[in-house]
C-alpha atoms as a PDB file:
ATOM      1  CA  MET A   1     -80.951 -52.270 -85.232  1.00  0.00           C
ATOM      2  CA  ILE A   2     -79.274 -50.230 -82.532  1.00  0.00           C
ATOM      3  CA  VAL A   3     -81.273 -52.020 -79.854  1.00  0.00           C
ATOM      4  CA  PHE A   4     -80.174 -55.398 -81.204  1.00  0.00           C
ATOM      5  CA  SER A   5     -76.538 -54.288 -81.223  1.00  0.00           C
ATOM      6  CA  ALA A   6     -76.836 -52.892 -77.708  1.00  0.00           C
ATOM      7  CA  VAL A   7     -78.396 -56.133 -76.434  1.00  0.00           C
ATOM      8  CA  ILE A   8     -75.605 -58.200 -78.001  1.00  0.00           C
ATOM      9  CA  PHE A   9     -72.925 -55.849 -76.618  1.00  0.00           C
ATOM     10  CA  PHE A  10     -74.270 -55.740 -73.066  1.00  0.00           C
ATOM     11  CA  GLY A  11     -75.024 -59.483 -73.101  1.00  0.00           C
ATOM     12  CA  SER A  12     -71.413 -60.153 -74.090  1.00  0.00           C
ATOM     13  CA  LEU A  13     -70.160 -57.729 -71.470  1.00  0.00           C
ATOM     14  CA  ILE A  14     -72.205 -59.461 -68.761  1.00  0.00           C
ATOM     15  CA  GLY A  15     -70.936 -62.857 -69.980  1.00  0.00           C
ATOM     16  CA  ILE A  16     -67.312 -61.721 -69.744  1.00  0.00           C
ATOM     17  CA  MET A  17     -67.920 -60.295 -66.285  1.00  0.00           C
ATOM     18  CA  MET A  18     -69.481 -63.602 -65.208  1.00  0.00           C
ATOM     19  CA  LEU A  19     -66.462 -65.538 -66.499  1.00  0.00           C
ATOM     20  CA  PHE A  20     -64.086 -63.303 -64.545  1.00  0.00           C
ATOM     21  CA  SER A  21     -66.279 -63.654 -61.448  1.00  0.00           C
ATOM     22  CA  ILE A  22     -66.258 -67.444 -61.728  1.00  0.00           C
ATOM     23  CA  LYS A  23     -62.481 -67.472 -62.207  1.00  0.00           C
ATOM     24  CA  TYR A  24     -62.045 -65.180 -59.180  1.00  0.00           C
ATOM     25  CA  TRP A  25     -64.293 -67.468 -57.115  1.00  0.00           C
ATOM     26  CA  GLU A  26     -62.313 -70.536 -58.242  1.00  0.00           C
ATOM     27  CA  ILE A  27     -58.979 -68.957 -57.289  1.00  0.00           C
ATOM     28  CA  ARG A  28     -60.302 -67.743 -53.952  1.00  0.00           C
ATOM     29  CA  THR A  29     -61.899 -71.072 -52.940  1.00  0.00           C
ATOM     30  CA  ASP A  30     -59.314 -73.298 -54.665  1.00  0.00           C
ATOM     31  CA  ARG A  31     -62.130 -75.262 -56.330  1.00  0.00           C
ATOM     32  CA  VAL A  32     -62.917 -75.903 -60.001  1.00  0.00           C
ATOM     33  CA  MET A  33     -66.459 -75.443 -61.252  1.00  0.00           C
ATOM     34  CA  ALA A  34     -67.694 -78.282 -63.544  1.00  0.00           C
ATOM     35  CA  PRO A  35     -64.318 -80.002 -64.077  1.00  0.00           C
ATOM     36  CA  LEU A  36     -65.653 -82.610 -66.546  1.00  0.00           C
ATOM     37  CA  ALA A  37     -67.361 -80.033 -68.758  1.00  0.00           C
ATOM     38  CA  ARG A  38     -64.284 -77.818 -68.616  1.00  0.00           C
ATOM     39  CA  GLY A  39     -62.078 -80.715 -69.721  1.00  0.00           C
ATOM     40  CA  ARG A  40     -64.321 -81.434 -72.724  1.00  0.00           C
ATOM     41  CA  ALA A  41     -64.494 -77.732 -73.593  1.00  0.00           C
ATOM     42  CA  ASP A  42     -60.686 -77.514 -73.445  1.00  0.00           C
ATOM     43  CA  GLU A  43     -60.396 -80.498 -75.815  1.00  0.00           C
ATOM     44  CA  HIS A  44     -62.796 -78.873 -78.295  1.00  0.00           C
ATOM     45  CA  ALA A  45     -60.961 -75.557 -78.040  1.00  0.00           C
ATOM     46  CA  LEU A  46     -57.640 -77.263 -78.803  1.00  0.00           C
ATOM     47  CA  LYS A  47     -59.183 -79.014 -81.833  1.00  0.00           C
ATOM     48  CA  ILE A  48     -60.545 -75.714 -83.126  1.00  0.00           C
ATOM     49  CA  LYS A  49     -57.174 -74.031 -82.574  1.00  0.00           C
ATOM     50  CA  GLU A  50     -55.408 -76.811 -84.487  1.00  0.00           C
ATOM     51  CA  TRP A  51     -57.957 -76.540 -87.335  1.00  0.00           C
ATOM     52  CA  LEU A  52     -57.463 -72.773 -87.516  1.00  0.00           C
ATOM     53  CA  GLU A  53     -53.673 -73.172 -87.683  1.00  0.00           C
ATOM     54  CA  GLN A  54     -54.011 -75.704 -90.517  1.00  0.00           C
ATOM     55  CA  THR A  55     -56.448 -73.431 -92.328  1.00  0.00           C
ATOM     56  CA  ARG A  56     -54.070 -70.485 -92.053  1.00  0.00           C
ATOM     57  CA  PHE A  57     -51.211 -72.614 -93.365  1.00  0.00           C
ATOM     58  CA  HIS A  58     -53.285 -73.700 -96.375  1.00  0.00           C
ATOM     59  CA  ALA A  59     -54.698 -70.198 -96.930  1.00  0.00           C
ATOM     60  CA  GLU A  60     -51.166 -68.825 -97.317  1.00  0.00           C
ATOM     61  CA  LYS A  61     -50.717 -71.126-100.315  1.00  0.00           C
ATOM     62  CA  LEU A  62     -53.813 -69.779-102.087  1.00  0.00           C
ATOM     63  CA  PRO A  63     -53.311 -67.267-104.885  1.00  0.00           C
ATOM     64  CA  PRO A  64     -53.901 -63.602-104.002  1.00  0.00           C
ATOM     65  CA  GLU A  65     -56.739 -63.380-106.544  1.00  0.00           C
ATOM     66  CA  LEU A  66     -58.711 -65.974-104.609  1.00  0.00           C
ATOM     67  CA  MET A  67     -58.192 -64.043-101.372  1.00  0.00           C
ATOM     68  CA  ARG A  68     -59.382 -60.834-103.073  1.00  0.00           C
ATOM     69  CA  LEU A  69     -62.408 -62.697-104.388  1.00  0.00           C
ATOM     70  CA  ALA A  70     -63.195 -64.002-100.902  1.00  0.00           C
ATOM     71  CA  ARG A  71     -62.861 -60.498 -99.438  1.00  0.00           C
ATOM     72  CA  LEU A  72     -65.092 -59.083-102.184  1.00  0.00           C
ATOM     73  CA  THR A  73     -67.666 -61.820-101.571  1.00  0.00           C
ATOM     74  CA  VAL A  74     -67.757 -61.082 -97.858  1.00  0.00           C
ATOM     75  CA  HIS A  75     -68.005 -57.343 -98.574  1.00  0.00           C
ATOM     76  CA  GLU A  76     -70.869 -57.748-101.064  1.00  0.00           C
ATOM     77  CA  THR A  77     -72.671 -60.112 -98.707  1.00  0.00           C
ATOM     78  CA  ALA A  78     -72.414 -57.562 -95.903  1.00  0.00           C
ATOM     79  CA  LEU A  79     -73.770 -54.842 -98.187  1.00  0.00           C
ATOM     80  CA  GLY A  80     -76.624 -57.112 -99.252  1.00  0.00           C
ATOM     81  CA  VAL A  81     -77.518 -57.882 -95.648  1.00  0.00           C
ATOM     82  CA  ALA A  82     -77.445 -54.139 -94.840  1.00  0.00           C
ATOM     83  CA  LEU A  83     -79.748 -53.415 -97.789  1.00  0.00           C
ATOM     84  CA  LEU A  84     -82.101 -56.172 -96.695  1.00  0.00           C
ATOM     85  CA  ALA A  85     -82.144 -54.764 -93.159  1.00  0.00           C
ATOM     86  CA  ARG A  86     -82.960 -51.306 -94.546  1.00  0.00           C
ATOM     87  CA  LYS A  87     -85.838 -52.686 -96.657  1.00  0.00           C
ATOM     88  CA  LEU A  88     -87.172 -54.630 -93.675  1.00  0.00           C
ATOM     89  CA  GLU A  89     -87.000 -51.452 -91.605  1.00  0.00           C
ATOM     90  CA  GLU A  90     -89.056 -49.586 -94.219  1.00  0.00           C
ATOM     91  CA  VAL A  91     -91.651 -52.358 -94.305  1.00  0.00           C
ATOM     92  CA  ALA A  92     -91.805 -52.387 -90.500  1.00  0.00           C
ATOM     93  CA  HIS A  93     -92.430 -48.630 -90.487  1.00  0.00           C
ATOM     94  CA  LYS A  94     -95.214 -49.005 -93.070  1.00  0.00           C
ATOM     95  CA  ILE A  95     -96.835 -51.781 -91.042  1.00  0.00           C
ATOM     96  CA  ALA A  96     -96.554 -49.745 -87.840  1.00  0.00           C
ATOM     97  CA  ASP A  97     -98.052 -46.705 -89.582  1.00  0.00           C
ATOM     98  CA  TYR A  98    -100.887 -48.808 -90.981  1.00  0.00           C
ATOM     99  CA  ALA A  99    -101.594 -50.417 -87.610  1.00  0.00           C
ATOM    100  CA  SER A 100    -101.485 -47.103 -85.775  1.00  0.00           C
ATOM    101  CA  HIS A 101    -104.736 -45.214 -85.386  1.00  0.00           C
ATOM    102  CA  LYS A 102    -102.813 -41.976 -85.696  1.00  0.00           C
ATOM    103  CA  HIS A 103    -101.663 -42.360 -89.284  1.00  0.00           C
ATOM    104  CA  ARG A 104    -104.204 -39.733 -90.341  1.00  0.00           C
ATOM    105  CA  PHE A 105    -103.699 -37.482 -87.358  1.00  0.00           C
ATOM    106  CA  GLU A 106    -105.233 -34.033 -87.653  1.00  0.00           C
ATOM    107  CA  ARG A 107    -104.719 -31.417 -84.967  1.00  0.00           C
ATOM    108  CA  ARG A 108    -107.968 -30.031 -83.524  1.00  0.00           C
ATOM    109  CA  GLU A 109    -108.699 -27.142 -81.255  1.00  0.00           C
ATOM    110  CA  SER A 110    -108.515 -28.135 -77.607  1.00  0.00           C
ATOM    111  CA  THR A 111    -111.739 -28.156 -75.597  1.00  0.00           C
ATOM    112  CA  ASN A 112    -109.870 -27.596 -72.343  1.00  0.00           C
ATOM    113  CA  GLU A 113    -109.916 -23.911 -71.311  1.00  0.00           C
ATOM    114  CA  PHE A 114    -106.643 -24.159 -69.410  1.00  0.00           C
ATOM    115  CA  LEU A 115    -104.846 -25.639 -72.426  1.00  0.00           C
ATOM    116  CA  LYS A 116    -106.306 -22.922 -74.653  1.00  0.00           C
ATOM    117  CA  LYS A 117    -104.973 -20.221 -72.316  1.00  0.00           C
ATOM    118  CA  MET A 118    -101.551 -21.876 -72.152  1.00  0.00           C
ATOM    119  CA  ASN A 119    -101.409 -22.137 -75.941  1.00  0.00           C
ATOM    120  CA  ASP A 120    -102.377 -18.469 -76.271  1.00  0.00           C
ATOM    121  CA  HIS A 121     -99.763 -17.500 -73.710  1.00  0.00           C
ATOM    122  CA  LYS A 122     -97.151 -19.546 -75.540  1.00  0.00           C
ATOM    123  CA  ASN A 123     -98.015 -17.850 -78.819  1.00  0.00           C
ATOM    124  CA  GLY A 124     -97.871 -14.435 -77.146  1.00  0.00           C
ATOM    125  CA  THR A 125    -101.512 -13.505 -77.639  1.00  0.00           C
ATOM    126  CA  THR A 126    -103.967 -12.299 -75.001  1.00  0.00           C
ATOM    127  CA  GLU A 127    -107.617 -13.194 -74.619  1.00  0.00           C
ATOM    128  CA  GLU A 128    -108.702  -9.839 -76.047  1.00  0.00           C
ATOM    129  CA  GLU A 129    -106.578 -10.350 -79.157  1.00  0.00           C
ATOM    130  CA  GLN A 130    -107.986 -13.850 -79.547  1.00  0.00           C
ATOM    131  CA  ASP A 131    -111.530 -12.517 -79.279  1.00  0.00           C
ATOM    132  CA  ARG A 132    -110.746  -9.863 -81.915  1.00  0.00           C
ATOM    133  CA  LEU A 133    -109.208 -12.468 -84.244  1.00  0.00           C
ATOM    134  CA  SER A 134    -112.217 -14.787 -83.907  1.00  0.00           C
END
């Protein structure tokens, strides 16, 4: 989930940086990039802005109980989506554990002499003590 959020964040950040770079380039060269597409995008943005203003005007007329209900619905939906994400995460972990060959991992004694000596040194035992314990 964190990776998804990070990808969205950095993708948005790169997009904003690209928009500022394009605007800087346009100001510096006194040229407009894709003027027809920009004109259509501006028209759509103005329509959306007008729709949002009308929606806000009509939303102010709604009773407060309806607004509380809408907020509660959004809140419960968000909690449901979070619960679903948690369940999917658990299932993904079970699938990964099942697919992994290490899901029944048992530690064995190393066959490498160097690793044995390093392990003994780490544990603070000498070869003589190991021989006595064996």
